Structures are given as structure tokens and as C-alpha cells.
PDB file of all heavy atoms in Angstrom:
ATOM      1  N   ALA A   1     -77.658-106.656 -30.367  1.00  0.00           N
ATOM      2  CA  ALA A   1     -79.023-106.261 -30.283  1.00  0.00           C
ATOM      3  C   ALA A   1     -79.336-104.985 -31.093  1.00  0.00           C
ATOM      4  O   ALA A   1     -80.359-104.967 -31.808  1.00  0.00           O
ATOM      5  CB  ALA A   1     -79.417-106.017 -28.770  1.00  0.00           C
ATOM      6  N   LEU A   2     -78.450-104.102 -31.047  1.00  0.00           N
ATOM      7  CA  LEU A   2     -78.622-102.808 -31.824  1.00  0.00           C
ATOM      8  C   LEU A   2     -78.565-103.142 -33.329  1.00  0.00           C
ATOM      9  O   LEU A   2     -79.369-102.524 -34.113  1.00  0.00           O
ATOM     10  CB  LEU A   2     -77.644-101.731 -31.418  1.00  0.00           C
ATOM     11  CG  LEU A   2     -77.870-101.183 -29.993  1.00  0.00           C
ATOM     12  CD1 LEU A   2     -76.612-100.266 -29.628  1.00  0.00           C
ATOM     13  CD2 LEU A   2     -79.077-100.379 -30.006  1.00  0.00           C
ATOM     14  N   HIS A   3     -77.590-104.021 -33.753  1.00  0.00           N
ATOM     15  CA  HIS A   3     -77.551-104.368 -35.126  1.00  0.00           C
ATOM     16  C   HIS A   3     -78.784-105.028 -35.595  1.00  0.00           C
ATOM     17  O   HIS A   3     -79.341-104.602 -36.614  1.00  0.00           O
ATOM     18  CB  HIS A   3     -76.345-105.406 -35.334  1.00  0.00           C
ATOM     19  CG  HIS A   3     -76.204-105.876 -36.689  1.00  0.00           C
ATOM     20  ND1 HIS A   3     -76.830-107.052 -37.056  1.00  0.00           N
ATOM     21  CD2 HIS A   3     -75.530-105.505 -37.730  1.00  0.00           C
ATOM     22  CE1 HIS A   3     -76.612-107.306 -38.312  1.00  0.00           C
ATOM     23  NE2 HIS A   3     -75.757-106.380 -38.846  1.00  0.00           N
ATOM     24  N   TRP A   4     -79.279-106.006 -34.854  1.00  0.00           N
ATOM     25  CA  TRP A   4     -80.422-106.735 -35.306  1.00  0.00           C
ATOM     26  C   TRP A   4     -81.747-105.894 -35.209  1.00  0.00           C
ATOM     27  O   TRP A   4     -82.664-106.047 -35.911  1.00  0.00           O
ATOM     28  CB  TRP A   4     -80.595-108.056 -34.593  1.00  0.00           C
ATOM     29  CG  TRP A   4     -79.394-108.923 -35.120  1.00  0.00           C
ATOM     30  CD1 TRP A   4     -78.326-109.336 -34.482  1.00  0.00           C
ATOM     31  CD2 TRP A   4     -79.377-109.522 -36.415  1.00  0.00           C
ATOM     32  NE1 TRP A   4     -77.489-110.099 -35.240  1.00  0.00           N
ATOM     33  CE2 TRP A   4     -78.099-110.228 -36.489  1.00  0.00           C
ATOM     34  CE3 TRP A   4     -80.092-109.584 -37.565  1.00  0.00           C
ATOM     35  CZ2 TRP A   4     -77.637-110.961 -37.605  1.00  0.00           C
ATOM     36  CZ3 TRP A   4     -79.696-110.219 -38.697  1.00  0.00           C
ATOM     37  CH2 TRP A   4     -78.500-110.852 -38.706  1.00  0.00           C
ATOM     38  N   ALA A   5     -81.743-104.965 -34.296  1.00  0.00           N
ATOM     39  CA  ALA A   5     -82.948-104.063 -34.183  1.00  0.00           C
ATOM     40  C   ALA A   5     -82.942-103.135 -35.456  1.00  0.00           C
ATOM     41  O   ALA A   5     -84.067-102.960 -35.985  1.00  0.00           O
ATOM     42  CB  ALA A   5     -82.810-103.159 -32.927  1.00  0.00           C
ATOM     43  N   ILE A   6     -81.817-102.617 -35.896  1.00  0.00           N
ATOM     44  CA  ILE A   6     -81.743-101.843 -37.114  1.00  0.00           C
ATOM     45  C   ILE A   6     -82.225-102.713 -38.278  1.00  0.00           C
ATOM     46  O   ILE A   6     -82.933-102.259 -39.223  1.00  0.00           O
ATOM     47  CB  ILE A   6     -80.331-101.318 -37.352  1.00  0.00           C
ATOM     48  CG1 ILE A   6     -79.963-100.234 -36.370  1.00  0.00           C
ATOM     49  CG2 ILE A   6     -80.158-100.794 -38.787  1.00  0.00           C
ATOM     50  CD1 ILE A   6     -80.637 -98.915 -36.560  1.00  0.00           C
ATOM     51  N   VAL A   7     -81.763-103.974 -38.409  1.00  0.00           N
ATOM     52  CA  VAL A   7     -82.167-104.858 -39.451  1.00  0.00           C
ATOM     53  C   VAL A   7     -83.667-104.954 -39.497  1.00  0.00           C
ATOM     54  O   VAL A   7     -84.343-104.823 -40.509  1.00  0.00           O
ATOM     55  CB  VAL A   7     -81.537-106.192 -39.311  1.00  0.00           C
ATOM     56  CG1 VAL A   7     -82.061-107.248 -40.266  1.00  0.00           C
ATOM     57  CG2 VAL A   7     -80.000-106.138 -39.568  1.00  0.00           C
ATOM     58  N   ALA A   8     -84.281-105.294 -38.324  1.00  0.00           N
ATOM     59  CA  ALA A   8     -85.742-105.501 -38.206  1.00  0.00           C
ATOM     60  C   ALA A   8     -86.510-104.231 -38.607  1.00  0.00           C
ATOM     61  O   ALA A   8     -87.461-104.215 -39.371  1.00  0.00           O
ATOM     62  CB  ALA A   8     -86.106-105.882 -36.824  1.00  0.00           C
ATOM     63  N   LEU A   9     -85.966-103.076 -38.062  1.00  0.00           N
ATOM     64  CA  LEU A   9     -86.590-101.797 -38.407  1.00  0.00           C
ATOM     65  C   LEU A   9     -86.496-101.447 -39.922  1.00  0.00           C
ATOM     66  O   LEU A   9     -87.543-100.957 -40.477  1.00  0.00           O
ATOM     67  CB  LEU A   9     -86.013-100.621 -37.544  1.00  0.00           C
ATOM     68  CG  LEU A   9     -86.294-100.623 -36.126  1.00  0.00           C
ATOM     69  CD1 LEU A   9     -85.348 -99.689 -35.403  1.00  0.00           C
ATOM     70  CD2 LEU A   9     -87.782-100.149 -35.926  1.00  0.00           C
ATOM     71  N   LEU A  10     -85.395-101.703 -40.508  1.00  0.00           N
ATOM     72  CA  LEU A  10     -85.258-101.472 -41.929  1.00  0.00           C
ATOM     73  C   LEU A  10     -86.133-102.393 -42.754  1.00  0.00           C
ATOM     74  O   LEU A  10     -86.713-101.957 -43.762  1.00  0.00           O
ATOM     75  CB  LEU A  10     -83.813-101.578 -42.395  1.00  0.00           C
ATOM     76  CG  LEU A  10     -82.867-100.490 -41.994  1.00  0.00           C
ATOM     77  CD1 LEU A  10     -81.455-100.860 -42.412  1.00  0.00           C
ATOM     78  CD2 LEU A  10     -83.228 -99.197 -42.592  1.00  0.00           C
ATOM     79  N   MET A  11     -86.232-103.633 -42.325  1.00  0.00           N
ATOM     80  CA  MET A  11     -87.127-104.529 -43.099  1.00  0.00           C
ATOM     81  C   MET A  11     -88.592-104.036 -43.040  1.00  0.00           C
ATOM     82  O   MET A  11     -89.300-103.963 -43.992  1.00  0.00           O
ATOM     83  CB  MET A  11     -87.028-105.988 -42.519  1.00  0.00           C
ATOM     84  CG  MET A  11     -85.709-106.560 -42.964  1.00  0.00           C
ATOM     85  SD  MET A  11     -85.322-108.163 -42.081  1.00  0.00           S
ATOM     86  CE  MET A  11     -86.786-109.119 -42.436  1.00  0.00           C
ATOM     87  N   ALA A  12     -88.989-103.710 -41.808  1.00  0.00           N
ATOM     88  CA  ALA A  12     -90.395-103.181 -41.604  1.00  0.00           C
ATOM     89  C   ALA A  12     -90.582-101.854 -42.423  1.00  0.00           C
ATOM     90  O   ALA A  12     -91.573-101.686 -43.084  1.00  0.00           O
ATOM     91  CB  ALA A  12     -90.657-102.944 -40.149  1.00  0.00           C
ATOM     92  N   GLN A  13     -89.565-101.057 -42.377  1.00  0.00           N
ATOM     93  CA  GLN A  13     -89.666 -99.772 -43.105  1.00  0.00           C
ATOM     94  C   GLN A  13     -89.822 -99.983 -44.628  1.00  0.00           C
ATOM     95  O   GLN A  13     -90.623 -99.234 -45.205  1.00  0.00           O
ATOM     96  CB  GLN A  13     -88.339 -98.885 -42.762  1.00  0.00           C
ATOM     97  CG  GLN A  13     -88.410 -97.577 -43.435  1.00  0.00           C
ATOM     98  CD  GLN A  13     -89.446 -96.573 -42.856  1.00  0.00           C
ATOM     99  OE1 GLN A  13     -90.593 -96.939 -42.664  1.00  0.00           O
ATOM    100  NE2 GLN A  13     -88.991 -95.426 -42.488  1.00  0.00           N
ATOM    101  N   PHE A  14     -89.005-100.801 -45.150  1.00  0.00           N
ATOM    102  CA  PHE A  14     -89.167-101.099 -46.648  1.00  0.00           C
ATOM    103  C   PHE A  14     -90.497-101.658 -46.970  1.00  0.00           C
ATOM    104  O   PHE A  14     -91.079-101.259 -48.084  1.00  0.00           O
ATOM    105  CB  PHE A  14     -87.980-101.901 -47.167  1.00  0.00           C
ATOM    106  CG  PHE A  14     -86.817-101.114 -47.441  1.00  0.00           C
ATOM    107  CD1 PHE A  14     -85.718-101.000 -46.510  1.00  0.00           C
ATOM    108  CD2 PHE A  14     -86.690-100.380 -48.612  1.00  0.00           C
ATOM    109  CE1 PHE A  14     -84.652-100.190 -46.790  1.00  0.00           C
ATOM    110  CE2 PHE A  14     -85.580 -99.554 -48.883  1.00  0.00           C
ATOM    111  CZ  PHE A  14     -84.588 -99.471 -47.947  1.00  0.00           C
ATOM    112  N   VAL A  15     -91.041-102.570 -46.146  1.00  0.00           N
ATOM    113  CA  VAL A  15     -92.369-103.129 -46.498  1.00  0.00           C
ATOM    114  C   VAL A  15     -93.462-101.984 -46.391  1.00  0.00           C
ATOM    115  O   VAL A  15     -94.212-101.902 -47.378  1.00  0.00           O
ATOM    116  CB  VAL A  15     -92.745-104.247 -45.421  1.00  0.00           C
ATOM    117  CG1 VAL A  15     -94.217-104.598 -45.506  1.00  0.00           C
ATOM    118  CG2 VAL A  15     -91.879-105.456 -45.690  1.00  0.00           C
ATOM    119  N   VAL A  16     -93.393-101.146 -45.416  1.00  0.00           N
ATOM    120  CA  VAL A  16     -94.247-100.081 -45.321  1.00  0.00           C
ATOM    121  C   VAL A  16     -94.101 -99.097 -46.544  1.00  0.00           C
ATOM    122  O   VAL A  16     -95.039 -98.650 -47.158  1.00  0.00           O
ATOM    123  CB  VAL A  16     -94.085 -99.291 -43.994  1.00  0.00           C
ATOM    124  CG1 VAL A  16     -94.925 -98.013 -44.028  1.00  0.00           C
ATOM    125  CG2 VAL A  16     -94.571-100.225 -42.838  1.00  0.00           C
ATOM    126  N   ALA A  17     -92.855 -98.791 -46.850  1.00  0.00           N
ATOM    127  CA  ALA A  17     -92.634 -97.807 -47.925  1.00  0.00           C
ATOM    128  C   ALA A  17     -93.096 -98.340 -49.201  1.00  0.00           C
ATOM    129  O   ALA A  17     -93.659 -97.545 -50.078  1.00  0.00           O
ATOM    130  CB  ALA A  17     -91.070 -97.548 -47.966  1.00  0.00           C
ATOM    131  N   TRP A  18     -92.947 -99.636 -49.516  1.00  0.00           N
ATOM    132  CA  TRP A  18     -93.430-100.183 -50.815  1.00  0.00           C
ATOM    133  C   TRP A  18     -94.921-100.416 -50.847  1.00  0.00           C
ATOM    134  O   TRP A  18     -95.452-100.593 -51.943  1.00  0.00           O
ATOM    135  CB  TRP A  18     -92.676-101.468 -51.068  1.00  0.00           C
ATOM    136  CG  TRP A  18     -91.238-101.269 -51.479  1.00  0.00           C
ATOM    137  CD1 TRP A  18     -90.756-100.178 -52.047  1.00  0.00           C
ATOM    138  CD2 TRP A  18     -90.087-102.111 -51.275  1.00  0.00           C
ATOM    139  NE1 TRP A  18     -89.365-100.325 -52.313  1.00  0.00           N
ATOM    140  CE2 TRP A  18     -89.004-101.559 -51.780  1.00  0.00           C
ATOM    141  CE3 TRP A  18     -90.036-103.401 -50.700  1.00  0.00           C
ATOM    142  CZ2 TRP A  18     -87.714-102.090 -51.833  1.00  0.00           C
ATOM    143  CZ3 TRP A  18     -88.793-104.029 -50.719  1.00  0.00           C
ATOM    144  CH2 TRP A  18     -87.616-103.382 -51.244  1.00  0.00           C
ATOM    145  N   THR A  19     -95.560-100.406 -49.665  1.00  0.00           N
ATOM    146  CA  THR A  19     -96.988-100.565 -49.740  1.00  0.00           C
ATOM    147  C   THR A  19     -97.798 -99.301 -49.540  1.00  0.00           C
ATOM    148  O   THR A  19     -99.001 -99.292 -49.772  1.00  0.00           O
ATOM    149  CB  THR A  19     -97.474-101.564 -48.677  1.00  0.00           C
ATOM    150  OG1 THR A  19     -97.037-101.157 -47.383  1.00  0.00           O
ATOM    151  CG2 THR A  19     -96.946-102.990 -48.948  1.00  0.00           C
ATOM    152  N   MET A  20     -97.142 -98.222 -49.099  1.00  0.00           N
ATOM    153  CA  MET A  20     -97.881 -96.983 -48.924  1.00  0.00           C
ATOM    154  C   MET A  20     -98.194 -96.345 -50.262  1.00  0.00           C
ATOM    155  O   MET A  20     -97.517 -96.678 -51.313  1.00  0.00           O
ATOM    156  CB  MET A  20     -97.056 -96.045 -47.989  1.00  0.00           C
ATOM    157  CG  MET A  20     -95.813 -95.390 -48.522  1.00  0.00           C
ATOM    158  SD  MET A  20     -95.074 -94.455 -47.284  1.00  0.00           S
ATOM    159  CE  MET A  20     -93.999 -93.475 -48.311  1.00  0.00           C
ATOM    160  N   PRO A  21     -99.077 -95.422 -50.308  1.00  0.00           N
ATOM    161  CA  PRO A  21     -99.499 -94.775 -51.614  1.00  0.00           C
ATOM    162  C   PRO A  21     -98.294 -93.821 -52.065  1.00  0.00           C
ATOM    163  O   PRO A  21     -97.557 -93.338 -51.292  1.00  0.00           O
ATOM    164  CB  PRO A  21    -100.735 -93.937 -51.253  1.00  0.00           C
ATOM    165  CG  PRO A  21    -100.693 -93.772 -49.819  1.00  0.00           C
ATOM    166  CD  PRO A  21     -99.938 -94.976 -49.214  1.00  0.00           C
ATOM    167  N   GLU A  22     -98.242 -93.623 -53.328  1.00  0.00           N
ATOM    168  CA  GLU A  22     -97.274 -92.693 -53.838  1.00  0.00           C
ATOM    169  C   GLU A  22     -97.672 -91.278 -53.346  1.00  0.00           C
ATOM    170  O   GLU A  22     -98.809 -90.841 -53.306  1.00  0.00           O
ATOM    171  CB  GLU A  22     -97.324 -92.682 -55.381  1.00  0.00           C
ATOM    172  CG  GLU A  22     -96.250 -91.805 -55.995  1.00  0.00           C
ATOM    173  CD  GLU A  22     -96.202 -91.888 -57.491  1.00  0.00           C
ATOM    174  OE1 GLU A  22     -96.730 -92.862 -58.105  1.00  0.00           O
ATOM    175  OE2 GLU A  22     -95.677 -90.940 -58.133  1.00  0.00           O
ATOM    176  N   ILE A  23     -96.556 -90.585 -52.936  1.00  0.00           N
ATOM    177  CA  ILE A  23     -96.890 -89.190 -52.390  1.00  0.00           C
ATOM    178  C   ILE A  23     -96.776 -88.238 -53.550  1.00  0.00           C
ATOM    179  O   ILE A  23     -95.749 -88.138 -54.201  1.00  0.00           O
ATOM    180  CB  ILE A  23     -95.772 -88.908 -51.271  1.00  0.00           C
ATOM    181  CG1 ILE A  23     -96.000 -89.895 -50.111  1.00  0.00           C
ATOM    182  CG2 ILE A  23     -95.960 -87.459 -50.855  1.00  0.00           C
ATOM    183  CD1 ILE A  23     -94.984 -89.732 -48.971  1.00  0.00           C
ATOM    184  N   ARG A  24     -97.894 -87.521 -53.656  1.00  0.00           N
ATOM    185  CA  ARG A  24     -97.953 -86.474 -54.717  1.00  0.00           C
ATOM    186  C   ARG A  24     -98.498 -85.257 -54.094  1.00  0.00           C
ATOM    187  O   ARG A  24     -98.932 -85.204 -52.909  1.00  0.00           O
ATOM    188  CB  ARG A  24     -98.927 -86.906 -55.830  1.00  0.00           C
ATOM    189  CG  ARG A  24     -98.369 -88.173 -56.618  1.00  0.00           C
ATOM    190  CD  ARG A  24     -99.387 -88.610 -57.594  1.00  0.00           C
ATOM    191  NE  ARG A  24     -98.841 -89.718 -58.293  1.00  0.00           N
ATOM    192  CZ  ARG A  24     -99.421 -90.291 -59.280  1.00  0.00           C
ATOM    193  NH1 ARG A  24    -100.607 -89.957 -59.660  1.00  0.00           N
ATOM    194  NH2 ARG A  24     -98.846 -91.339 -59.853  1.00  0.00           N
ATOM    195  N   ARG A  25     -98.703 -84.212 -54.908  1.00  0.00           N
ATOM    196  CA  ARG A  25     -99.250 -82.922 -54.388  1.00  0.00           C
ATOM    197  C   ARG A  25    -100.688 -83.294 -53.980  1.00  0.00           C
ATOM    198  O   ARG A  25    -101.433 -83.997 -54.662  1.00  0.00           O
ATOM    199  CB  ARG A  25     -99.258 -81.832 -55.433  1.00  0.00           C
ATOM    200  CG  ARG A  25     -99.880 -80.538 -54.916  1.00  0.00           C
ATOM    201  CD  ARG A  25     -99.880 -79.520 -56.049  1.00  0.00           C
ATOM    202  NE  ARG A  25     -98.610 -78.922 -56.221  1.00  0.00           N
ATOM    203  CZ  ARG A  25     -98.114 -77.893 -55.388  1.00  0.00           C
ATOM    204  NH1 ARG A  25     -98.734 -77.610 -54.261  1.00  0.00           N
ATOM    205  NH2 ARG A  25     -96.983 -77.306 -55.651  1.00  0.00           N
ATOM    206  N   GLY A  26    -101.063 -82.902 -52.807  1.00  0.00           N
ATOM    207  CA  GLY A  26    -102.379 -83.109 -52.245  1.00  0.00           C
ATOM    208  C   GLY A  26    -102.580 -84.498 -51.445  1.00  0.00           C
ATOM    209  O   GLY A  26    -103.551 -84.710 -50.923  1.00  0.00           O
ATOM    210  N   THR A  27    -101.488 -85.332 -51.472  1.00  0.00           N
ATOM    211  CA  THR A  27    -101.578 -86.528 -50.687  1.00  0.00           C
ATOM    212  C   THR A  27    -101.691 -86.259 -49.196  1.00  0.00           C
ATOM    213  O   THR A  27    -100.977 -85.370 -48.710  1.00  0.00           O
ATOM    214  CB  THR A  27    -100.350 -87.406 -50.922  1.00  0.00           C
ATOM    215  OG1 THR A  27    -100.230 -87.732 -52.305  1.00  0.00           O
ATOM    216  CG2 THR A  27    -100.367 -88.709 -50.123  1.00  0.00           C
ATOM    217  N   LYS A  28    -102.611 -86.927 -48.515  1.00  0.00           N
ATOM    218  CA  LYS A  28    -102.755 -86.706 -47.118  1.00  0.00           C
ATOM    219  C   LYS A  28    -101.983 -87.776 -46.387  1.00  0.00           C
ATOM    220  O   LYS A  28    -102.154 -88.942 -46.751  1.00  0.00           O
ATOM    221  CB  LYS A  28    -104.261 -86.783 -46.664  1.00  0.00           C
ATOM    222  CG  LYS A  28    -105.161 -85.770 -47.398  1.00  0.00           C
ATOM    223  CD  LYS A  28    -104.803 -84.355 -46.850  1.00  0.00           C
ATOM    224  CE  LYS A  28    -105.760 -83.374 -47.576  1.00  0.00           C
ATOM    225  NZ  LYS A  28    -105.153 -82.108 -47.912  1.00  0.00           N
ATOM    226  N   PRO A  29    -101.229 -87.423 -45.348  1.00  0.00           N
ATOM    227  CA  PRO A  29    -100.498 -88.518 -44.586  1.00  0.00           C
ATOM    228  C   PRO A  29    -101.404 -89.340 -43.726  1.00  0.00           C
ATOM    229  O   PRO A  29    -101.816 -88.942 -42.683  1.00  0.00           O
ATOM    230  CB  PRO A  29     -99.536 -87.675 -43.748  1.00  0.00           C
ATOM    231  CG  PRO A  29    -100.201 -86.322 -43.591  1.00  0.00           C
ATOM    232  CD  PRO A  29    -101.001 -86.125 -44.796  1.00  0.00           C
ATOM    233  N   GLU A  30    -101.753 -90.548 -44.313  1.00  0.00           N
ATOM    234  CA  GLU A  30    -102.672 -91.380 -43.605  1.00  0.00           C
ATOM    235  C   GLU A  30    -101.832 -92.479 -42.864  1.00  0.00           C
ATOM    236  O   GLU A  30    -100.606 -92.363 -42.778  1.00  0.00           O
ATOM    237  CB  GLU A  30    -103.704 -91.909 -44.498  1.00  0.00           C
ATOM    238  CG  GLU A  30    -104.686 -90.786 -44.967  1.00  0.00           C
ATOM    239  CD  GLU A  30    -105.761 -91.138 -45.931  1.00  0.00           C
ATOM    240  OE1 GLU A  30    -105.738 -92.305 -46.375  1.00  0.00           O
ATOM    241  OE2 GLU A  30    -106.520 -90.247 -46.400  1.00  0.00           O
ATOM    242  N   THR A  31    -102.457 -93.546 -42.560  1.00  0.00           N
ATOM    243  CA  THR A  31    -101.862 -94.563 -41.718  1.00  0.00           C
ATOM    244  C   THR A  31    -100.469 -95.032 -42.207  1.00  0.00           C
ATOM    245  O   THR A  31     -99.485 -94.965 -41.405  1.00  0.00           O
ATOM    246  CB  THR A  31    -102.798 -95.800 -41.609  1.00  0.00           C
ATOM    247  OG1 THR A  31    -104.039 -95.302 -41.160  1.00  0.00           O
ATOM    248  CG2 THR A  31    -102.230 -96.833 -40.588  1.00  0.00           C
ATOM    249  N   LEU A  32    -100.362 -95.491 -43.372  1.00  0.00           N
ATOM    250  CA  LEU A  32     -99.022 -96.028 -43.811  1.00  0.00           C
ATOM    251  C   LEU A  32     -97.914 -94.950 -43.955  1.00  0.00           C
ATOM    252  O   LEU A  32     -96.780 -95.189 -43.621  1.00  0.00           O
ATOM    253  CB  LEU A  32     -99.216 -96.792 -45.186  1.00  0.00           C
ATOM    254  CG  LEU A  32     -99.859 -98.197 -45.131  1.00  0.00           C
ATOM    255  CD1 LEU A  32    -100.087 -98.754 -46.442  1.00  0.00           C
ATOM    256  CD2 LEU A  32     -99.169 -99.066 -44.169  1.00  0.00           C
ATOM    257  N   ILE A  33     -98.347 -93.738 -44.372  1.00  0.00           N
ATOM    258  CA  ILE A  33     -97.303 -92.761 -44.464  1.00  0.00           C
ATOM    259  C   ILE A  33     -96.874 -92.327 -43.081  1.00  0.00           C
ATOM    260  O   ILE A  33     -95.685 -92.168 -42.847  1.00  0.00           O
ATOM    261  CB  ILE A  33     -97.946 -91.497 -45.263  1.00  0.00           C
ATOM    262  CG1 ILE A  33     -98.115 -91.913 -46.749  1.00  0.00           C
ATOM    263  CG2 ILE A  33     -96.998 -90.225 -45.187  1.00  0.00           C
ATOM    264  CD1 ILE A  33     -98.867 -90.865 -47.547  1.00  0.00           C
ATOM    265  N   ASN A  34     -97.825 -92.162 -42.193  1.00  0.00           N
ATOM    266  CA  ASN A  34     -97.514 -91.867 -40.780  1.00  0.00           C
ATOM    267  C   ASN A  34     -96.659 -92.952 -40.146  1.00  0.00           C
ATOM    268  O   ASN A  34     -95.654 -92.643 -39.376  1.00  0.00           O
ATOM    269  CB  ASN A  34     -98.753 -91.659 -39.924  1.00  0.00           C
ATOM    270  CG  ASN A  34     -99.435 -90.358 -40.241  1.00  0.00           C
ATOM    271  OD1 ASN A  34     -98.759 -89.318 -40.532  1.00  0.00           O
ATOM    272  ND2 ASN A  34    -100.704 -90.293 -40.146  1.00  0.00           N
ATOM    273  N   LEU A  35     -96.958 -94.125 -40.482  1.00  0.00           N
ATOM    274  CA  LEU A  35     -96.116 -95.319 -39.930  1.00  0.00           C
ATOM    275  C   LEU A  35     -94.688 -95.269 -40.534  1.00  0.00           C
ATOM    276  O   LEU A  35     -93.730 -95.450 -39.823  1.00  0.00           O
ATOM    277  CB  LEU A  35     -96.858 -96.630 -40.243  1.00  0.00           C
ATOM    278  CG  LEU A  35     -96.182 -97.912 -39.701  1.00  0.00           C
ATOM    279  CD1 LEU A  35     -96.227 -97.859 -38.174  1.00  0.00           C
ATOM    280  CD2 LEU A  35     -97.003 -99.111 -40.123  1.00  0.00           C
ATOM    281  N   HIS A  36     -94.599 -94.872 -41.816  1.00  0.00           N
ATOM    282  CA  HIS A  36     -93.281 -94.734 -42.479  1.00  0.00           C
ATOM    283  C   HIS A  36     -92.502 -93.626 -41.805  1.00  0.00           C
ATOM    284  O   HIS A  36     -91.343 -93.786 -41.510  1.00  0.00           O
ATOM    285  CB  HIS A  36     -93.528 -94.455 -43.983  1.00  0.00           C
ATOM    286  CG  HIS A  36     -92.248 -94.407 -44.740  1.00  0.00           C
ATOM    287  ND1 HIS A  36     -91.411 -95.411 -45.002  1.00  0.00           N
ATOM    288  CD2 HIS A  36     -91.654 -93.217 -45.253  1.00  0.00           C
ATOM    289  CE1 HIS A  36     -90.405 -95.035 -45.685  1.00  0.00           C
ATOM    290  NE2 HIS A  36     -90.481 -93.699 -45.850  1.00  0.00           N
ATOM    291  N   LEU A  37     -93.148 -92.523 -41.500  1.00  0.00           N
ATOM    292  CA  LEU A  37     -92.449 -91.378 -40.839  1.00  0.00           C
ATOM    293  C   LEU A  37     -92.008 -91.863 -39.429  1.00  0.00           C
ATOM    294  O   LEU A  37     -90.814 -91.494 -39.023  1.00  0.00           O
ATOM    295  CB  LEU A  37     -93.350 -90.226 -40.823  1.00  0.00           C
ATOM    296  CG  LEU A  37     -93.687 -89.568 -42.137  1.00  0.00           C
ATOM    297  CD1 LEU A  37     -94.740 -88.510 -41.969  1.00  0.00           C
ATOM    298  CD2 LEU A  37     -92.567 -89.018 -42.869  1.00  0.00           C
ATOM    299  N   SER A  38     -92.873 -92.525 -38.690  1.00  0.00           N
ATOM    300  CA  SER A  38     -92.515 -92.947 -37.420  1.00  0.00           C
ATOM    301  C   SER A  38     -91.358 -93.950 -37.361  1.00  0.00           C
ATOM    302  O   SER A  38     -90.381 -93.827 -36.574  1.00  0.00           O
ATOM    303  CB  SER A  38     -93.733 -93.639 -36.782  1.00  0.00           C
ATOM    304  OG  SER A  38     -94.769 -92.680 -36.496  1.00  0.00           O
ATOM    305  N   PHE A  39     -91.366 -94.890 -38.313  1.00  0.00           N
ATOM    306  CA  PHE A  39     -90.260 -95.870 -38.410  1.00  0.00           C
ATOM    307  C   PHE A  39     -88.979 -95.123 -38.662  1.00  0.00           C
ATOM    308  O   PHE A  39     -87.897 -95.460 -38.244  1.00  0.00           O
ATOM    309  CB  PHE A  39     -90.469 -96.941 -39.452  1.00  0.00           C
ATOM    310  CG  PHE A  39     -91.230 -98.094 -38.938  1.00  0.00           C
ATOM    311  CD1 PHE A  39     -92.348 -98.596 -39.631  1.00  0.00           C
ATOM    312  CD2 PHE A  39     -90.838 -98.864 -37.847  1.00  0.00           C
ATOM    313  CE1 PHE A  39     -93.019 -99.749 -39.150  1.00  0.00           C
ATOM    314  CE2 PHE A  39     -91.450-100.053 -37.425  1.00  0.00           C
ATOM    315  CZ  PHE A  39     -92.618-100.402 -38.096  1.00  0.00           C
ATOM    316  N   GLY A  40     -89.063 -94.126 -39.545  1.00  0.00           N
ATOM    317  CA  GLY A  40     -87.810 -93.340 -39.920  1.00  0.00           C
ATOM    318  C   GLY A  40     -87.261 -92.636 -38.697  1.00  0.00           C
ATOM    319  O   GLY A  40     -85.990 -92.678 -38.481  1.00  0.00           O
ATOM    320  N   VAL A  41     -88.086 -92.134 -37.833  1.00  0.00           N
ATOM    321  CA  VAL A  41     -87.600 -91.405 -36.643  1.00  0.00           C
ATOM    322  C   VAL A  41     -86.978 -92.438 -35.677  1.00  0.00           C
ATOM    323  O   VAL A  41     -85.917 -92.266 -35.064  1.00  0.00           O
ATOM    324  CB  VAL A  41     -88.642 -90.632 -35.907  1.00  0.00           C
ATOM    325  CG1 VAL A  41     -88.243 -90.038 -34.525  1.00  0.00           C
ATOM    326  CG2 VAL A  41     -89.118 -89.441 -36.862  1.00  0.00           C
ATOM    327  N   VAL A  42     -87.654 -93.579 -35.554  1.00  0.00           N
ATOM    328  CA  VAL A  42     -87.104 -94.709 -34.662  1.00  0.00           C
ATOM    329  C   VAL A  42     -85.762 -95.152 -35.193  1.00  0.00           C
ATOM    330  O   VAL A  42     -84.769 -95.345 -34.394  1.00  0.00           O
ATOM    331  CB  VAL A  42     -88.109 -95.850 -34.469  1.00  0.00           C
ATOM    332  CG1 VAL A  42     -87.496 -96.980 -33.762  1.00  0.00           C
ATOM    333  CG2 VAL A  42     -89.419 -95.374 -33.766  1.00  0.00           C
ATOM    334  N   ILE A  43     -85.708 -95.331 -36.547  1.00  0.00           N
ATOM    335  CA  ILE A  43     -84.343 -95.769 -37.095  1.00  0.00           C
ATOM    336  C   ILE A  43     -83.251 -94.724 -36.826  1.00  0.00           C
ATOM    337  O   ILE A  43     -82.156 -95.109 -36.428  1.00  0.00           O
ATOM    338  CB  ILE A  43     -84.501 -96.000 -38.580  1.00  0.00           C
ATOM    339  CG1 ILE A  43     -85.377 -97.294 -38.897  1.00  0.00           C
ATOM    340  CG2 ILE A  43     -83.142 -96.022 -39.268  1.00  0.00           C
ATOM    341  CD1 ILE A  43     -85.734 -97.478 -40.258  1.00  0.00           C
ATOM    342  N   LEU A  44     -83.621 -93.459 -36.949  1.00  0.00           N
ATOM    343  CA  LEU A  44     -82.651 -92.356 -36.622  1.00  0.00           C
ATOM    344  C   LEU A  44     -82.212 -92.413 -35.209  1.00  0.00           C
ATOM    345  O   LEU A  44     -80.969 -92.334 -34.888  1.00  0.00           O
ATOM    346  CB  LEU A  44     -83.277 -91.015 -36.938  1.00  0.00           C
ATOM    347  CG  LEU A  44     -82.479 -89.821 -36.842  1.00  0.00           C
ATOM    348  CD1 LEU A  44     -81.295 -89.893 -37.884  1.00  0.00           C
ATOM    349  CD2 LEU A  44     -83.288 -88.626 -37.250  1.00  0.00           C
TER     350      LEU A  44
END
């Protein structure tokens, strides 16, 4: 269960990472960036 949970989280994380806007100076953390950060903490 832990193995497959990590697999599902990583798949979701990569989808979010590839669809979120590029982070540059002045970028505001909106929905996709916040979701990416949240998935990262859950993966950790």
C-alpha cells in the first residue's frame, strides 16, 4: 500500500509540476504551485 501510494503521489506530482506555470521572480504561488508544494509534503 505504501509503495503504490508513493507511485500515485509521484504520478500526480509530475502532472501538476508539468502543468503549473514556470516559477520566476515575481511569480505568485497560486493553485497549481500550492498543490505541487502540498503533494511534495505528503510525499515526504
